[in-house]
Amino acid sequence: MAHITHHHEPARHWQDWVNMILGALMVASPWLFGYAPLEGATMNAVIIGFLVFALSALSLTLLDDWEAYISAGLGVWLILSPWLLGFALYDPARLAHLAIGILVVAVAVLEVWQSRPRS
C-alpha cells in the first residue's frame, strides 16, 4: 500500500475554514449589504463566493497546494471585478468585493507561505 504525504499540518486547516466563511459571506453579501438588485454584481458574488467556499471545503480533504493559488486568483478577481464588470460606482457592491477579495488573497498567501518547505 502506498503512503500518501500531505503538505498541510492539521493546525493549518484554519485557512480553509476562514476562506469557507469568506466564501459564504460573499454569497450572502448582495442581501446583507443591499446590492441584490445589481444583477451582474450579485451573480458575480454568488458564483465566486461559492467557488471560494467549495474550493476551501475540498482542500480540507485533498490537502494540496494548488487550492491556495486558485483561491488567490479568485480573490484577485473579486478585487478587480467591480471595474471589469461595471459596478464600481455602487459603494456596497464595490466595497464588499474589495474587502472579501483582499481577505481571500491574504489568507491564500499566508497558506502558501506557511506550507513552503522549511530548511
Protein backbone atom coordinates (compact mmCIF):
# COMPACT_ATOMS: atom_id res chain seq x y z
CA MET A 1 0.00 0.00 0.00
CA ALA A 2 1.38 3.41 -0.96
CA HIS A 3 1.99 6.01 1.70
CA ILE A 4 0.43 9.40 0.94
CA THR A 5 2.05 12.53 2.29
CA HIS A 6 0.30 15.86 2.54
CA HIS A 7 1.74 19.34 2.79
CA HIS A 8 -0.76 20.52 5.39
CA GLU A 9 -0.41 20.02 9.07
CA PRO A 10 -3.72 19.83 10.97
CA ALA A 11 -3.10 23.20 12.64
CA ARG A 12 -3.04 24.84 9.22
CA HIS A 13 -6.62 23.93 8.32
CA TRP A 14 -7.77 27.23 9.80
CA GLN A 15 -7.07 28.98 6.48
CA ASP A 16 -9.53 26.68 4.71
CA TRP A 17 -12.19 27.33 7.36
CA VAL A 18 -11.62 31.10 7.12
CA ASN A 19 -11.94 31.04 3.33
CA MET A 20 -15.09 28.91 3.62
CA ILE A 21 -16.58 31.62 5.86
CA LEU A 22 -15.42 34.35 3.46
CA GLY A 23 -16.95 32.45 0.53
CA ALA A 24 -20.27 32.10 2.35
CA LEU A 25 -20.16 35.78 3.28
CA MET A 26 -19.52 36.68 -0.38
CA VAL A 27 -22.52 34.60 -1.45
CA ALA A 28 -24.73 36.37 1.11
CA SER A 29 -23.26 39.85 0.58
CA PRO A 30 -25.78 41.09 -2.02
CA TRP A 31 -28.57 40.68 0.52
CA LEU A 32 -26.52 41.62 3.57
CA PHE A 33 -25.25 44.85 2.01
CA GLY A 34 -28.27 45.70 -0.16
CA TYR A 35 -26.96 45.39 -3.69
CA ALA A 36 -29.03 42.36 -4.78
CA PRO A 37 -30.84 44.43 -7.49
CA LEU A 38 -27.49 44.77 -9.32
CA GLU A 39 -27.74 41.56 -11.32
CA GLY A 40 -24.11 41.39 -12.51
CA ALA A 41 -22.65 42.14 -9.09
CA THR A 42 -25.00 39.65 -7.43
CA MET A 43 -24.24 36.86 -9.91
CA ASN A 44 -20.51 37.51 -9.53
CA ALA A 45 -20.74 37.47 -5.73
CA VAL A 46 -22.74 34.24 -5.66
CA ILE A 47 -20.63 32.37 -8.22
CA ILE A 48 -17.20 33.44 -6.96
CA GLY A 49 -18.26 33.12 -3.31
CA PHE A 50 -19.48 29.60 -3.97
CA LEU A 51 -16.21 28.71 -5.73
CA VAL A 52 -14.13 30.06 -2.82
CA PHE A 53 -16.29 28.09 -0.36
CA ALA A 54 -16.27 24.85 -2.37
CA LEU A 55 -12.55 25.01 -3.12
CA SER A 56 -11.70 25.55 0.54
CA ALA A 57 -14.04 22.74 1.61
CA LEU A 58 -12.41 20.44 -0.94
CA SER A 59 -8.99 21.44 0.34
CA LEU A 60 -9.91 20.09 3.78
CA THR A 61 -9.94 16.60 2.26
CA LEU A 62 -7.46 16.84 -0.61
CA LEU A 63 -4.80 18.79 1.25
CA ASP A 64 -2.97 20.09 -1.78
CA ASP A 65 -1.04 23.27 -2.59
CA TRP A 66 -2.94 24.17 -5.75
CA GLU A 67 -6.02 25.25 -3.79
CA ALA A 68 -4.30 28.27 -2.27
CA TYR A 69 -3.16 29.50 -5.67
CA ILE A 70 -6.65 29.19 -7.16
CA SER A 71 -8.14 30.90 -4.09
CA ALA A 72 -5.69 33.76 -4.54
CA GLY A 73 -6.77 34.07 -8.18
CA LEU A 74 -10.43 34.15 -7.18
CA GLY A 75 -9.61 36.83 -4.60
CA VAL A 76 -7.85 38.92 -7.24
CA TRP A 77 -10.91 38.54 -9.47
CA LEU A 78 -13.13 39.78 -6.63
CA ILE A 79 -10.85 42.82 -6.22
CA LEU A 80 -10.87 43.68 -9.93
CA SER A 81 -14.44 42.67 -10.84
CA PRO A 82 -16.21 45.91 -9.81
CA TRP A 83 -14.30 47.72 -12.56
CA LEU A 84 -14.24 44.86 -15.06
CA LEU A 85 -17.98 44.19 -14.71
CA GLY A 86 -19.04 47.84 -14.37
CA PHE A 87 -20.40 48.16 -10.84
CA ALA A 88 -17.54 50.12 -9.25
CA LEU A 89 -19.78 53.17 -8.75
CA TYR A 90 -22.04 51.24 -6.35
CA ASP A 91 -20.29 51.51 -2.99
CA PRO A 92 -21.85 48.49 -1.18
CA ALA A 93 -21.08 46.11 -4.06
CA ARG A 94 -17.59 47.51 -4.68
CA LEU A 95 -16.62 47.54 -1.00
CA ALA A 96 -17.93 44.00 -0.37
CA HIS A 97 -15.98 42.65 -3.34
CA LEU A 98 -12.84 44.56 -2.39
CA ALA A 99 -12.86 43.66 1.30
CA ILE A 100 -13.62 39.98 0.86
CA GLY A 101 -11.27 39.72 -2.13
CA ILE A 102 -8.40 41.23 -0.15
CA LEU A 103 -9.04 38.85 2.76
CA VAL A 104 -9.22 35.80 0.46
CA VAL A 105 -5.90 36.77 -1.15
CA ALA A 106 -4.29 37.42 2.25
CA VAL A 107 -5.38 34.04 3.62
CA ALA A 108 -4.19 32.26 0.45
CA VAL A 109 -0.80 33.99 0.53
CA LEU A 110 -0.40 33.10 4.20
CA GLU A 111 -1.32 29.48 3.44
CA VAL A 112 1.29 29.29 0.66
CA TRP A 113 3.90 30.92 2.88
CA GLN A 114 3.22 28.57 5.79
CA SER A 115 3.29 25.46 3.58
CA ARG A 116 6.64 26.22 1.96
CA PRO A 117 9.41 23.72 2.71
CA ARG A 118 11.49 24.58 5.74
CA SER A 119 15.24 24.09 5.59
